[in-house]
Amino acid sequence: MEEIQVKGEELLAKVKELVHEGNVRRIIISDSDGKSLVEIPLTIGVVGALIAPVLAAVGAIAALVTECTVTIVRTDEGPGSGE
């Protein structure tokens, strides 16, 4: 897991970037108090029209928050990933 701090106006761009990376399993967006606002599960093949409503929701969240934390859960790749 990885956590990054982003400003509201940067949130949508960062989420789009993470979706396109392809090795992200889940994105969790939390407010500055640590309260989870949205959890986005990403599976292989989630692109295009399926992700559009999620990005619209992220855009709405970005308009409401000044700072937030994005937690990134990546897929396990490489040797020993099943442990």
Protein backbone atom coordinates (compact mmCIF):
# COMPACT_ATOMS: atom_id res chain seq x y z
CA MET A 1 0.00 0.00 0.00
CA GLU A 2 1.07 3.51 -0.73
CA GLU A 3 -0.39 6.81 0.46
CA ILE A 4 -0.06 10.19 -1.19
CA GLN A 5 -1.39 13.60 -0.20
CA VAL A 6 -3.06 15.61 -2.96
CA LYS A 7 -4.90 18.87 -3.19
CA GLY A 8 -8.53 18.81 -4.32
CA GLU A 9 -7.79 20.20 -7.77
CA GLU A 10 -5.14 17.50 -8.38
CA LEU A 11 -7.32 14.59 -7.27
CA LEU A 12 -9.06 13.75 -10.54
CA ALA A 13 -5.85 13.87 -12.58
CA LYS A 14 -4.07 11.61 -10.07
CA VAL A 15 -6.90 9.05 -10.05
CA LYS A 16 -6.96 8.98 -13.87
CA GLU A 17 -3.20 8.46 -13.89
CA LEU A 18 -3.49 5.57 -11.42
CA VAL A 19 -6.29 3.91 -13.40
CA HIS A 20 -4.14 3.97 -16.54
CA GLU A 21 -1.14 2.44 -14.75
CA GLY A 22 -2.86 -0.92 -14.79
CA ASN A 23 -1.25 -2.42 -11.68
CA VAL A 24 -3.59 -0.78 -9.17
CA ARG A 25 -6.16 -3.01 -7.47
CA ARG A 26 -7.93 -0.42 -5.32
CA ILE A 27 -7.91 3.33 -4.71
CA ILE A 28 -9.20 4.74 -1.42
CA ILE A 29 -9.79 8.48 -1.06
CA SER A 30 -9.87 9.85 2.49
CA ASP A 31 -10.38 13.36 3.83
CA SER A 32 -7.85 15.22 5.95
CA ASP A 33 -9.30 13.62 9.11
CA GLY A 34 -8.69 10.12 7.74
CA LYS A 35 -12.37 9.40 7.06
CA SER A 36 -12.78 7.28 3.94
CA LEU A 37 -14.83 9.14 1.31
CA VAL A 38 -14.79 6.61 -1.52
CA GLU A 39 -13.19 3.26 -2.30
CA ILE A 40 -12.70 2.40 -5.95
CA PRO A 41 -12.07 -1.26 -6.73
CA LEU A 42 -10.25 -1.70 -10.03
CA THR A 43 -10.23 -4.99 -11.84
CA ILE A 44 -8.63 -5.97 -15.11
CA GLY A 45 -10.72 -4.60 -17.94
CA VAL A 46 -12.35 -1.72 -16.06
CA VAL A 47 -11.99 1.06 -18.60
CA GLY A 48 -13.97 3.44 -20.73
CA ALA A 49 -17.67 3.74 -19.99
CA LEU A 50 -17.42 1.63 -16.82
CA ILE A 51 -15.00 4.01 -15.11
CA ALA A 52 -16.70 7.25 -16.27
CA PRO A 53 -19.28 7.41 -13.42
CA VAL A 54 -16.53 6.78 -10.88
CA LEU A 55 -14.43 9.60 -12.30
CA ALA A 56 -17.47 11.90 -12.16
CA ALA A 57 -17.85 11.09 -8.45
CA VAL A 58 -14.14 11.74 -7.88
CA GLY A 59 -14.53 15.09 -9.63
CA ALA A 60 -17.37 16.00 -7.27
CA ILE A 61 -15.26 15.02 -4.25
CA ALA A 62 -12.38 17.10 -5.60
CA ALA A 63 -14.66 20.15 -5.70
CA LEU A 64 -15.56 19.69 -2.02
CA VAL A 65 -12.22 18.93 -0.38
CA THR A 66 -9.09 21.05 -0.16
CA GLU A 67 -6.71 18.22 0.71
CA CYS A 68 -7.12 14.48 0.81
CA THR A 69 -5.15 11.27 1.02
CA VAL A 70 -5.14 8.73 -1.79
CA THR A 71 -4.30 5.20 -0.66
CA ILE A 72 -3.17 2.96 -3.49
CA VAL A 73 -3.37 -0.82 -3.21
CA ARG A 74 -1.33 -2.34 -6.00
CA THR A 75 -1.48 -5.84 -7.39
CA ASP A 76 1.18 -8.18 -6.10
CA GLU A 77 3.57 -9.05 -8.87
CA GLY A 78 6.70 -11.09 -8.84
CA PRO A 79 8.03 -14.03 -6.80
CA GLY A 80 6.45 -14.67 -3.44
CA SER A 81 3.31 -12.71 -4.22
CA GLY A 82 1.07 -15.48 -2.87
CA GLU A 83 2.50 -15.31 0.65
